[in-house]
Structure formats: structure tokens, C-alpha cells
Amino acid sequence: MQTQSLEVFVAVAHGGSFTRAARVLGYTQSAVSRQIAVLEKDLNADLFDRLPRGVALTEQGRALLPHAEATLERLRTAQRDLDSLRDVGGGRLRVGAFPTAVAALVPRALAAFRTAYPKAQLSLLEGLTPALLDRLAAGDADLAVVSAPPDHPLDTARFDLHHLLDEQLLVAVAPGHPLAGRHTVRLAELAGDSFIAGSATAEETLLRAGLPSGFRPRIDIVAAEWTGKLGCVAAGLGVALVPALAIRATPADLVLLRLHPDDDVSVRRIFAATNRRPTPTVTHMVTLLGRIAATL
């Protein structure tokens, strides 16, 4: 079965006659008739009832029509996507990112891309790193900004990882906290504090990136979203580790303390993950992300 035969079939079905279809397609009536005959032979089906004036779809023709239309639309979409790959900024760009990367890094890169290529179709997918990589592998995203602690490297077998920056973690405390006047703090000094975390298990939170030996944080309150987490800190219910990328989204009524460089340097590694053969558009976006990351 050839695509041309399906195009002719759909044109005849919509026009109700071989003559109208031939006029729309720029074919001769005999060419349209031959295409339909070939298609009916290939499918072993009678697709049209030949009437004194025009044609009408048979039951088999009505069953085929939505499939033929869907197939042609998929092929047209594929052709548009292929055409867009020839130029940077053409077609669509679907960028995935973990939540705190959406606070500053990714939006600035998207804005720069849109300024340069206003016709590009941009979309942003927010999620956690494992889900983002799954979407990248499934073809639901073109690029993913992901993170990993040094002791949990990301999978390099399926993706190309473009290192953007190493991100330090800060400690958020309420203004009335006894250590709020300090510039730096050791996590060991916060042993008596409750940590507001995204999980009750420290190993599944940002804490795993830099826990001092033997330190086990007390986690009384679990808040998945940053607004709730930082709201709890502001209310004096505990302290929280805050990635540096989230500084812009941190409320003014909190105090951010650096971790002491001697023994509590906590780092997340930030990457732009792409598939093995990125398009020129994706490659350009990776370059923009790298430039903006260098300014943070």
C-alpha cells in the first residue's frame, strides 16, 4: 500500500467523486480511478459504491477512512519534524527540568532561546530526575536538566551528559534561630534541630549529598513542595537544606547559611541530558544552558 493511494482515497471520500478528487489533486480522472483500483486490490475490499453520479463509501470504506486520515496526518507531522531539524530554532523544543532548576537556570535559557528564535515551539516539563530521564528515553522530551549527588552518578549508557555546574547546598533557618547571625554552619551543629525534608528517609533527600559521618538528622515534618517546606522553616518548625539554584525563590523572611567548607561541602552535580544524536536545536539549547550556568 502506497501513501499516494491513501491520499487519493481520502480525496475521493471527501469529494464524493473521482472527478472532484482529480481536480483537487491535479491528477487525471483515470489516474484516480487506477489508484483506487490498486488500493482495493491490495486491501481485498470494495471501498466505494459506483453511483450514476459520483461514488459513496461502502461499509469497508467507512471503516478505512479514519485510519487513512490518521496515517496521513502522522506522516505530515513526521515530515514537519524532519524539516525542522535542518535549522536551529525550527519546530519544537521540549525541555524537562527538576523543580529548583526552574527557579532561574532553565527559564533564563528558554527566554534567550525564544529571543533568538521566536518561531520555535517551546515547552517545559517539570519533574524529578528519574522521571525526566524516562521521558527523555521515551521521546517525550528533547532535553532534560537533571541532578545527581557525587556518590550516585547518572546513567551514561543511554544518554549524553553535559555538565553545567556543581551546586552547593545552603541551610535555611528562621530569623529567630540561634545560628541565624552566622555566615557558615556545620550540619553537626544542627543535630538538635528538626529538618524539614521531602522524605522521611534522609537517604532519599538532599541530605544524602553531604551528611557528616555518623550524623542522622531528625525529620519530623515531610513537605514535598518547596513552598510548604520553606513555609515550615519560616514558622520556626525546623531547618531545611536549600540548593543554591533555589535562592531566587527563597522568601525574604528566611536566613540562608553556607555550610562550612572544611567538612560539610555538599554538592549536587547538574547536567543537561540528551539522547545520543541531538538535533542542532537541542545542541544550541545545551550551549545556552552552559552560558547561563556559568553566570550563576
Protein backbone atom coordinates (compact mmCIF):
# COMPACT_ATOMS: atom_id res chain seq x y z
CA MET A 1 0.00 0.00 0.00
CA GLN A 2 1.42 3.38 -1.03
CA THR A 3 0.86 6.73 0.67
CA GLN A 4 -0.33 8.16 -2.64
CA SER A 5 -3.17 5.64 -2.77
CA LEU A 6 -4.34 6.68 0.70
CA GLU A 7 -4.23 10.37 -0.30
CA VAL A 8 -6.35 9.61 -3.34
CA PHE A 9 -8.77 7.51 -1.28
CA VAL A 10 -9.28 10.33 1.27
CA ALA A 11 -9.75 12.90 -1.51
CA VAL A 12 -12.40 10.74 -3.22
CA ALA A 13 -14.14 10.06 0.09
CA HIS A 14 -14.34 13.78 0.89
CA GLY A 15 -15.21 14.86 -2.64
CA GLY A 16 -17.74 12.14 -3.40
CA SER A 17 -16.44 11.57 -6.92
CA PHE A 18 -13.34 10.66 -8.88
CA THR A 19 -13.70 13.85 -10.91
CA ARG A 20 -13.62 16.18 -7.88
CA ALA A 21 -10.71 14.27 -6.36
CA ALA A 22 -8.77 14.51 -9.62
CA ARG A 23 -9.35 18.27 -9.72
CA VAL A 24 -8.17 18.73 -6.10
CA LEU A 25 -5.10 16.54 -6.54
CA GLY A 26 -4.15 17.72 -10.02
CA TYR A 27 -4.48 14.22 -11.46
CA THR A 28 -6.46 12.88 -14.38
CA GLN A 29 -9.68 11.06 -13.59
CA SER A 30 -8.24 7.83 -14.98
CA ALA A 31 -5.21 8.14 -12.66
CA VAL A 32 -7.53 8.49 -9.66
CA SER A 33 -9.55 5.50 -10.79
CA ARG A 34 -6.39 3.39 -11.15
CA GLN A 35 -5.16 4.36 -7.66
CA ILE A 36 -8.45 3.34 -6.07
CA ALA A 37 -8.48 0.05 -8.01
CA VAL A 38 -4.95 -0.74 -6.82
CA LEU A 39 -5.86 0.11 -3.21
CA GLU A 40 -8.99 -2.06 -3.31
CA LYS A 41 -6.92 -4.93 -4.69
CA ASP A 42 -4.22 -4.52 -2.04
CA LEU A 43 -6.81 -4.49 0.75
CA ASN A 44 -9.12 -7.05 -0.84
CA ALA A 45 -12.00 -4.69 -0.13
CA ASP A 46 -14.64 -2.73 -2.03
CA LEU A 47 -14.22 0.82 -0.78
CA PHE A 48 -16.75 2.71 -2.93
CA ASP A 49 -20.13 2.06 -4.48
CA ARG A 50 -20.06 3.47 -8.02
CA LEU A 51 -23.20 5.53 -8.48
CA PRO A 52 -24.67 7.20 -11.58
CA ARG A 53 -23.32 10.49 -10.26
CA GLY A 54 -20.25 10.06 -8.12
CA VAL A 55 -19.37 7.44 -5.53
CA ALA A 56 -20.28 6.61 -1.94
CA LEU A 57 -18.22 4.89 0.73
CA THR A 58 -19.06 1.28 1.43
CA GLU A 59 -19.05 -0.04 4.97
CA GLN A 60 -15.45 -1.15 4.41
CA GLY A 61 -14.57 2.30 3.06
CA ARG A 62 -16.08 4.00 6.11
CA ALA A 63 -14.01 1.72 8.36
CA LEU A 64 -10.81 2.58 6.48
CA LEU A 65 -11.30 6.36 6.31
CA PRO A 66 -10.33 7.36 9.90
CA HIS A 67 -7.26 5.12 9.75
CA ALA A 68 -6.20 6.59 6.42
CA GLU A 69 -6.66 10.14 7.71
CA ALA A 70 -4.71 9.39 10.90
CA THR A 71 -1.87 7.75 8.94
CA LEU A 72 -1.55 10.70 6.58
CA GLU A 73 -1.60 13.17 9.46
CA ARG A 74 1.15 11.25 11.25
CA LEU A 75 3.24 11.27 8.09
CA ARG A 76 2.70 15.02 7.64
CA THR A 77 3.73 15.61 11.27
CA ALA A 78 6.82 13.46 10.78
CA GLN A 79 7.74 15.42 7.66
CA ARG A 80 7.35 18.74 9.51
CA ASP A 81 9.57 17.46 12.30
CA LEU A 82 12.18 16.27 9.83
CA ASP A 83 12.10 19.60 8.04
CA SER A 84 12.52 21.47 11.32
CA LEU A 85 15.69 19.51 12.15
CA ARG A 86 17.55 21.18 9.32
CA ASP A 87 17.63 24.53 11.07
CA VAL A 88 18.40 25.65 14.62
CA GLY A 89 15.26 27.01 16.22
CA GLY A 90 12.90 25.21 13.90
CA GLY A 91 9.99 23.12 15.12
CA ARG A 92 9.52 22.33 18.79
CA LEU A 93 11.81 22.04 21.79
CA ARG A 94 10.61 20.18 24.88
CA VAL A 95 12.82 20.81 27.90
CA GLY A 96 12.47 18.87 31.14
CA ALA A 97 13.90 20.15 34.42
CA PHE A 98 13.84 19.35 38.12
CA PRO A 99 11.95 21.95 40.25
CA THR A 100 14.76 24.16 41.55
CA ALA A 101 16.34 24.37 38.09
CA VAL A 102 13.07 26.01 37.03
CA ALA A 103 13.67 28.81 39.55
CA ALA A 104 16.35 30.56 37.49
CA LEU A 105 18.56 28.47 35.21
CA VAL A 106 16.11 26.95 32.75
CA PRO A 107 13.71 29.92 32.35
CA ARG A 108 16.61 32.23 31.51
CA ALA A 109 17.88 29.80 28.89
CA LEU A 110 14.39 29.39 27.41
CA ALA A 111 13.96 33.18 27.28
CA ALA A 112 17.28 33.58 25.46
CA PHE A 113 16.30 30.85 23.02
CA ARG A 114 12.92 32.43 22.33
CA THR A 115 14.52 35.83 21.73
CA ALA A 116 16.82 34.29 19.15
CA TYR A 117 14.19 32.02 17.59
CA PRO A 118 10.71 33.46 18.18
CA LYS A 119 9.02 30.89 15.93
CA ALA A 120 10.22 27.90 17.95
CA GLN A 121 7.56 26.00 19.90
CA LEU A 122 8.90 25.77 23.46
CA SER A 123 7.50 23.69 26.28
CA LEU A 124 8.72 22.98 29.81
CA LEU A 125 8.22 19.70 31.66
CA GLU A 126 8.87 19.77 35.41
CA GLY A 127 9.68 16.62 37.33
CA LEU A 128 12.24 14.67 39.31
CA THR A 129 15.40 13.37 37.67
CA PRO A 130 14.40 9.67 37.28
CA ALA A 131 11.07 10.57 35.66
CA LEU A 132 12.73 13.16 33.41
CA LEU A 133 15.25 10.63 32.14
CA ASP A 134 12.43 8.16 31.46
CA ARG A 135 10.62 10.81 29.41
CA LEU A 136 13.82 11.60 27.53
CA ALA A 137 14.32 7.92 26.72
CA ALA A 138 10.68 7.59 25.63
CA GLY A 139 10.96 10.56 23.28
CA ASP A 140 8.59 12.74 25.30
CA ALA A 141 11.35 15.31 25.96
CA ASP A 142 14.20 16.58 23.79
CA LEU A 143 16.49 17.60 26.64
CA ALA A 144 16.41 17.21 30.43
CA VAL A 145 18.18 19.27 33.11
CA VAL A 146 18.86 16.74 35.85
CA SER A 147 20.87 16.45 39.05
CA ALA A 148 22.83 13.83 40.93
CA PRO A 149 24.95 13.70 44.10
CA PRO A 150 28.58 12.70 43.59
CA ASP A 151 28.02 9.25 45.08
CA HIS A 152 25.06 8.44 42.80
CA PRO A 153 26.25 9.01 39.20
CA LEU A 154 23.71 9.11 36.41
CA ASP A 155 23.37 6.52 33.67
CA THR A 156 25.78 7.35 30.86
CA ALA A 157 24.89 4.29 28.79
CA ARG A 158 21.63 5.71 27.49
CA PHE A 159 22.33 9.46 27.46
CA ASP A 160 24.97 12.08 26.81
CA LEU A 161 25.51 14.17 29.94
CA HIS A 162 26.66 17.77 29.51
CA HIS A 163 27.96 19.10 32.83
CA LEU A 164 26.51 22.54 33.64
CA LEU A 165 27.60 23.28 37.22
CA ASP A 166 28.24 21.88 40.68
CA GLU A 167 25.66 23.23 43.09
CA GLN A 168 26.28 23.80 46.78
CA LEU A 169 23.57 23.40 49.36
CA LEU A 170 22.67 26.08 51.90
CA VAL A 171 20.83 25.81 55.20
CA ALA A 172 17.61 27.78 55.62
CA VAL A 173 16.70 28.83 59.17
CA ALA A 174 14.12 31.16 60.68
CA PRO A 175 15.36 34.66 61.64
CA GLY A 176 14.96 33.79 65.32
CA HIS A 177 17.12 30.68 65.11
CA PRO A 178 20.16 30.77 67.46
CA LEU A 179 22.54 30.41 64.49
CA ALA A 180 20.78 32.94 62.23
CA GLY A 181 23.52 35.53 62.77
CA ARG A 182 26.26 33.22 61.50
CA HIS A 183 27.69 33.17 57.97
CA THR A 184 28.58 29.48 57.96
CA VAL A 185 27.41 26.46 59.91
CA ARG A 186 28.27 22.79 60.25
CA LEU A 187 25.47 20.26 59.94
CA ALA A 188 26.71 18.70 63.18
CA GLU A 189 25.72 21.94 64.93
CA LEU A 190 22.14 21.31 63.82
CA ALA A 191 21.92 17.85 65.39
CA GLY A 192 19.25 19.05 67.79
CA ASP A 193 17.11 20.64 65.06
CA SER A 194 14.29 19.06 63.14
CA PHE A 195 14.92 19.02 59.39
CA ILE A 196 12.06 19.79 57.02
CA ALA A 197 12.59 17.36 54.16
CA GLY A 198 10.84 15.91 51.14
CA SER A 199 11.05 12.39 52.56
CA ALA A 200 11.21 10.85 56.00
CA THR A 201 14.26 8.88 54.86
CA ALA A 202 17.35 11.06 54.77
CA GLU A 203 18.96 8.97 52.04
CA GLU A 204 16.14 9.94 49.68
CA THR A 205 16.54 13.70 50.21
CA LEU A 206 19.12 16.37 49.51
CA LEU A 207 20.70 15.44 52.84
CA ARG A 208 22.36 12.38 51.34
CA ALA A 209 24.74 14.63 49.37
CA GLY A 210 26.75 15.69 52.41
CA LEU A 211 25.90 14.06 55.70
CA PRO A 212 28.85 14.08 58.09
CA SER A 213 29.92 10.66 59.29
CA GLY A 214 27.56 9.40 61.96
CA PHE A 215 25.12 12.32 61.60
CA ARG A 216 21.48 11.29 61.46
CA PRO A 217 19.06 14.18 61.01
CA ARG A 218 15.76 14.20 62.82
CA ILE A 219 12.94 14.57 60.31
CA ASP A 220 9.62 15.36 61.97
CA ILE A 221 7.87 17.14 59.10
CA VAL A 222 7.79 16.00 55.48
CA ALA A 223 6.82 18.54 52.82
CA ALA A 224 7.17 17.64 49.16
CA GLU A 225 6.82 21.14 47.71
CA TRP A 226 9.32 23.93 48.30
CA THR A 227 6.65 26.47 49.24
CA GLY A 228 5.47 24.24 52.09
CA LYS A 229 8.98 23.27 53.11
CA LEU A 230 10.20 26.87 53.37
CA GLY A 231 6.94 27.95 54.98
CA CYS A 232 7.57 25.45 57.78
CA VAL A 233 11.09 26.82 58.23
CA ALA A 234 9.82 30.39 58.37
CA ALA A 235 7.36 29.36 61.08
CA GLY A 236 10.22 28.00 63.18
CA LEU A 237 9.28 24.34 62.81
CA GLY A 238 12.73 23.29 61.67
CA VAL A 239 15.56 23.92 59.25
CA ALA A 240 16.00 22.80 55.64
CA LEU A 241 18.72 22.29 53.08
CA VAL A 242 18.21 24.57 50.11
CA PRO A 243 20.00 24.11 46.77
CA ALA A 244 21.74 27.25 45.56
CA LEU A 245 19.62 27.30 42.39
CA ALA A 246 16.55 27.94 44.57
CA ILE A 247 17.89 31.12 46.17
CA ARG A 248 15.76 33.29 43.91
CA ALA A 249 12.61 31.52 45.09
CA THR A 250 13.51 31.71 48.80
CA PRO A 251 11.28 34.07 50.84
CA ALA A 252 12.87 37.17 52.31
CA ASP A 253 11.86 36.16 55.87
CA LEU A 254 14.36 33.29 55.91
CA VAL A 255 18.08 33.29 56.62
CA LEU A 256 20.39 31.26 54.39
CA LEU A 257 23.65 29.96 55.86
CA ARG A 258 26.58 28.46 53.99
CA LEU A 259 27.82 25.06 55.03
CA HIS A 260 31.33 25.04 56.50
CA PRO A 261 33.84 24.25 53.73
CA ASP A 262 36.06 22.01 55.85
CA ASP A 263 33.75 19.08 56.34
CA ASP A 264 30.24 19.89 55.12
CA VAL A 265 30.64 20.91 51.48
CA SER A 266 27.51 19.43 49.94
CA VAL A 267 27.36 19.37 46.16
CA ARG A 268 24.85 18.31 43.54
CA ARG A 269 26.11 17.89 40.01
CA ILE A 270 23.81 19.45 37.40
CA PHE A 271 23.71 18.13 33.83
CA ALA A 272 21.85 18.67 30.59
CA ALA A 273 20.97 15.16 29.43
CA THR A 274 20.38 14.49 25.74
CA ASN A 275 19.96 11.47 23.55
CA ARG A 276 22.96 10.23 21.60
CA ARG A 277 22.21 12.16 18.42
CA PRO A 278 20.86 15.57 19.49
CA THR A 279 19.42 17.89 16.89
CA PRO A 280 21.05 21.27 16.16
CA THR A 281 18.25 22.89 18.16
CA VAL A 282 18.96 20.74 21.24
CA THR A 283 22.70 21.33 20.91
CA HIS A 284 22.14 25.08 20.83
CA MET A 285 19.95 24.89 23.93
CA VAL A 286 22.69 22.97 25.77
CA THR A 287 25.11 25.76 24.86
CA LEU A 288 22.72 28.40 26.22
CA LEU A 289 22.25 26.46 29.46
CA GLY A 290 26.02 26.27 29.87
CA ARG A 291 26.44 30.01 29.35
CA ILE A 292 23.75 30.87 31.88
CA ALA A 293 25.00 28.31 34.40
CA ALA A 294 28.41 29.99 34.27
CA THR A 295 26.83 33.26 35.48
CA LEU A 296 25.00 31.77 38.48
